[in-house]
């Protein structure tokens, strides 16, 4: 192998990389991202979400503003250990499962707390949401003589009939979009062909190498 050949051989992969059509990187990203996103949507078990609602009601010695303030507070303590410790008995799952699966939300305009639970089993999602709402109601009503606010269950969680997780079609589209974006970014940082490389003639043996070859012949 001559010196010229040893100098140009390692650059062959880079040259092929530079000669790829610009759209090939984006197309490859879209195809790979769509395949991975679709596979994720198919292989991941569907998740179901059920929601129970409780409402804070003021007593004769309180007003709506007070009930609204306590509703915000109850929404924050619903996922605390004191509430989840009682809820695990009715939900039939450990406290750690409740902590990972249950979320609460409140409204700035209404004294209502939404308790949502997510599980791969629809019935378990409903049981966890109702159990936490029940435990929260009991804890709140134990102190209603001091807070002058009563917590009442507004709506029980029902067993969901459709999964809340995105289907494979959606995850595939998200993956294809992300892959196309990564392909476009790779296109921006892709090494470009230099003008002198495009015009460089083919490598031929130098005079010394040619003379040495002729002498051996």
Protein backbone atom coordinates (compact mmCIF):
# COMPACT_ATOMS: atom_id res chain seq x y z
CA UNK A 1 0.00 0.00 0.00
CA UNK A 2 1.50 3.32 -1.08
CA UNK A 3 1.67 6.43 1.06
CA UNK A 4 -1.04 8.14 -1.00
CA UNK A 5 -3.39 5.21 -0.61
CA UNK A 6 -2.85 5.10 3.18
CA UNK A 7 -3.66 8.79 3.40
CA UNK A 8 -6.92 8.60 1.45
CA UNK A 9 -8.35 5.29 2.67
CA UNK A 10 -9.50 6.45 6.18
CA UNK A 11 -11.41 9.32 4.62
CA UNK A 12 -13.60 7.03 2.50
CA UNK A 13 -16.44 6.71 5.09
CA UNK A 14 -16.43 10.47 5.57
CA UNK A 15 -16.62 11.00 1.82
CA UNK A 16 -19.59 8.68 1.55
CA UNK A 17 -21.22 10.53 4.45
CA UNK A 18 -20.80 13.82 2.65
CA UNK A 19 -22.17 12.54 -0.63
CA UNK A 20 -25.48 11.37 0.85
CA UNK A 21 -28.51 13.32 -0.42
CA UNK A 22 -29.59 15.99 2.09
CA UNK A 23 -33.08 14.57 2.44
CA UNK A 24 -31.79 11.09 3.36
CA UNK A 25 -30.99 12.09 6.95
CA UNK A 26 -34.45 13.52 7.53
CA UNK A 27 -36.13 10.53 5.88
CA UNK A 28 -34.08 8.09 7.96
CA UNK A 29 -34.93 9.97 11.12
CA UNK A 30 -38.64 9.92 10.32
CA UNK A 31 -38.63 6.19 9.57
CA UNK A 32 -36.59 5.19 12.61
CA UNK A 33 -38.47 7.53 14.97
CA UNK A 34 -41.85 6.40 13.70
CA UNK A 35 -40.90 2.74 14.09
CA UNK A 36 -39.62 3.24 17.63
CA UNK A 37 -42.62 5.35 18.64
CA UNK A 38 -45.08 2.84 17.21
CA UNK A 39 -43.33 -0.05 18.93
CA UNK A 40 -43.45 1.84 22.22
CA UNK A 41 -47.19 2.38 21.87
CA UNK A 42 -47.78 -1.30 21.08
CA UNK A 43 -45.53 -2.81 23.75
CA UNK A 44 -46.40 -0.48 26.64
CA UNK A 45 -49.47 -1.67 28.60
CA UNK A 46 -52.43 0.72 28.36
CA UNK A 47 -53.00 2.98 31.35
CA UNK A 48 -56.47 3.85 32.69
CA UNK A 49 -57.31 6.92 34.76
CA UNK A 50 -60.30 7.34 37.09
CA UNK A 51 -61.21 10.54 38.94
CA UNK A 52 -63.22 11.15 42.09
CA UNK A 53 -64.36 14.63 43.15
CA UNK A 54 -64.86 16.05 46.62
CA UNK A 55 -66.14 19.51 47.44
CA UNK A 56 -65.53 21.75 50.44
CA UNK A 57 -68.75 23.12 51.95
CA UNK A 58 -68.69 25.97 54.49
CA UNK A 59 -70.70 25.63 57.66
CA UNK A 60 -72.73 28.42 59.26
CA UNK A 61 -69.57 29.98 60.73
CA UNK A 62 -67.63 30.12 57.44
CA UNK A 63 -68.05 31.46 53.93
CA UNK A 64 -67.27 30.39 50.37
CA UNK A 65 -63.86 32.04 50.37
CA UNK A 66 -62.87 30.03 53.44
CA UNK A 67 -64.08 26.82 51.80
CA UNK A 68 -62.09 27.67 48.67
CA UNK A 69 -58.93 28.15 50.71
CA UNK A 70 -59.34 24.85 52.52
CA UNK A 71 -60.02 23.06 49.24
CA UNK A 72 -56.61 24.20 48.02
CA UNK A 73 -55.05 22.91 51.24
CA UNK A 74 -56.85 19.57 51.05
CA UNK A 75 -55.61 19.13 47.50
CA UNK A 76 -52.03 19.40 48.74
CA UNK A 77 -52.40 17.00 51.67
CA UNK A 78 -54.36 14.34 49.79
CA UNK A 79 -51.18 12.56 48.71
CA UNK A 80 -49.50 12.76 52.10
CA UNK A 81 -48.73 9.66 54.14
CA UNK A 82 -51.44 10.37 56.73
CA UNK A 83 -54.15 10.15 54.07
CA UNK A 84 -52.60 7.42 51.93
CA UNK A 85 -51.99 5.24 54.98
CA UNK A 86 -55.75 5.01 55.55
CA UNK A 87 -56.57 4.79 51.85
CA UNK A 88 -54.39 1.72 51.28
CA UNK A 89 -56.78 -0.37 53.36
CA UNK A 90 -59.73 0.36 51.08
CA UNK A 91 -57.70 0.39 47.86
CA UNK A 92 -55.95 -2.90 48.57
CA UNK A 93 -52.57 -1.62 47.35
CA UNK A 94 -49.42 -0.46 49.18
CA UNK A 95 -48.82 3.17 50.05
CA UNK A 96 -45.99 3.39 47.51
CA UNK A 97 -48.39 2.40 44.73
CA UNK A 98 -50.83 5.09 45.80
CA UNK A 99 -48.06 7.67 45.97
CA UNK A 100 -46.94 6.86 42.43
CA UNK A 101 -50.42 6.52 40.94
CA UNK A 102 -52.57 9.21 42.57
CA UNK A 103 -52.60 12.88 41.61
CA UNK A 104 -54.82 15.73 42.81
CA UNK A 105 -55.85 19.02 41.25
CA UNK A 106 -57.86 21.99 42.45
CA UNK A 107 -59.58 24.94 40.85
CA UNK A 108 -58.94 28.59 41.77
CA UNK A 109 -62.64 29.32 41.24
CA UNK A 110 -64.43 26.35 42.85
CA UNK A 111 -63.85 24.67 46.25
CA UNK A 112 -63.41 21.26 44.62
CA UNK A 113 -60.64 18.67 44.73
CA UNK A 114 -60.18 16.15 41.92
CA UNK A 115 -58.48 12.90 42.97
CA UNK A 116 -57.20 10.93 39.96
CA UNK A 117 -55.58 7.50 39.96
CA UNK A 118 -53.88 5.70 37.08
CA UNK A 119 -53.41 1.96 36.69
CA UNK A 120 -53.15 -0.72 34.03
CA UNK A 121 -56.38 -2.16 35.46
CA UNK A 122 -59.52 0.01 35.14
CA UNK A 123 -61.13 -1.32 38.32
CA UNK A 124 -58.00 -0.68 40.37
CA UNK A 125 -57.79 2.90 39.09
CA UNK A 126 -61.34 3.56 40.28
CA UNK A 127 -60.73 1.84 43.64
CA UNK A 128 -57.61 3.90 44.34
CA UNK A 129 -59.28 7.20 43.45
CA UNK A 130 -62.31 6.46 45.62
CA UNK A 131 -60.15 5.22 48.51
CA UNK A 132 -58.03 8.37 48.61
CA UNK A 133 -61.11 10.59 48.30
CA UNK A 134 -62.75 8.71 51.16
CA UNK A 135 -59.68 8.97 53.40
CA UNK A 136 -59.30 12.67 52.61
CA UNK A 137 -62.95 13.30 53.46
CA UNK A 138 -62.63 11.59 56.80
CA UNK A 139 -59.46 13.50 57.72
CA UNK A 140 -61.04 16.80 56.76
CA UNK A 141 -64.26 16.14 58.65
CA UNK A 142 -62.38 15.15 61.80
CA UNK A 143 -61.34 18.80 62.12
CA UNK A 144 -64.46 20.52 60.75
CA UNK A 145 -65.31 21.80 64.25
CA UNK A 146 -62.15 23.91 64.05
CA UNK A 147 -62.05 24.69 60.32
CA UNK A 148 -65.82 25.21 59.93
CA UNK A 149 -65.53 23.54 56.54
CA UNK A 150 -66.95 20.14 55.66
CA UNK A 151 -65.64 17.96 52.86
CA UNK A 152 -68.32 16.09 50.92
CA UNK A 153 -67.93 13.58 48.13
CA UNK A 154 -69.28 15.18 44.98
CA UNK A 155 -68.76 12.35 42.48
CA UNK A 156 -67.38 8.82 42.80
CA UNK A 157 -64.82 7.52 40.37
CA UNK A 158 -66.20 5.08 37.82
CA UNK A 159 -64.29 2.31 36.11
CA UNK A 160 -62.87 3.82 32.91
CA UNK A 161 -63.77 2.16 29.64
CA UNK A 162 -60.99 3.63 27.48
CA UNK A 163 -57.27 3.96 28.21
CA UNK A 164 -55.85 7.38 28.96
CA UNK A 165 -52.47 6.53 27.42
CA UNK A 166 -51.76 7.47 23.82
CA UNK A 167 -52.39 4.75 21.18
CA UNK A 168 -49.66 3.40 18.93
CA UNK A 169 -50.71 5.70 16.09
CA UNK A 170 -50.09 8.78 18.21
CA UNK A 171 -46.79 7.57 19.66
CA UNK A 172 -45.70 6.66 16.13
CA UNK A 173 -46.45 10.18 14.88
CA UNK A 174 -44.62 11.68 17.85
CA UNK A 175 -41.63 9.44 17.23
CA UNK A 176 -41.61 10.28 13.51
CA UNK A 177 -41.71 14.00 14.29
CA UNK A 178 -38.88 13.69 16.79
CA UNK A 179 -36.85 11.57 14.37
CA UNK A 180 -37.37 14.06 11.56
CA UNK A 181 -36.26 16.88 13.83
CA UNK A 182 -33.11 15.00 14.83
CA UNK A 183 -32.43 14.25 11.18
CA UNK A 184 -32.75 17.93 10.31
CA UNK A 185 -30.37 18.84 13.13
CA UNK A 186 -27.91 16.23 11.90
CA UNK A 187 -28.22 17.74 8.44
CA UNK A 188 -27.20 21.13 9.81
CA UNK A 189 -24.02 19.75 11.40
CA UNK A 190 -23.25 17.41 8.51
CA UNK A 191 -19.75 17.97 7.12
CA UNK A 192 -19.90 19.72 3.77
CA UNK A 193 -17.76 18.96 0.76
CA UNK A 194 -15.02 21.45 0.24
CA UNK A 195 -14.63 22.92 -3.27
CA UNK A 196 -11.02 21.75 -3.49
CA UNK A 197 -12.10 18.18 -2.64
CA UNK A 198 -14.73 18.18 -5.36
CA UNK A 199 -12.17 19.36 -7.96
CA UNK A 200 -9.30 17.15 -6.79
CA UNK A 201 -8.07 14.88 -9.63
CA UNK A 202 -7.56 11.17 -9.29
CA UNK A 203 -4.39 10.11 -7.49
CA UNK A 204 -1.67 8.70 -9.76
CA UNK A 205 1.75 7.35 -8.81
CA UNK A 206 4.50 9.98 -8.63
CA UNK A 207 7.50 9.95 -10.95
CA UNK A 208 9.72 8.17 -8.44
CA UNK A 209 7.19 5.43 -7.88
CA UNK A 210 6.64 5.03 -11.62
CA UNK A 211 10.39 4.76 -12.31
CA UNK A 212 10.83 2.21 -9.55
CA UNK A 213 8.04 0.09 -11.01
CA UNK A 214 9.58 0.30 -14.50
CA UNK A 215 12.94 -0.84 -13.17
CA UNK A 216 11.45 -3.92 -11.56
CA UNK A 217 9.72 -4.81 -14.83
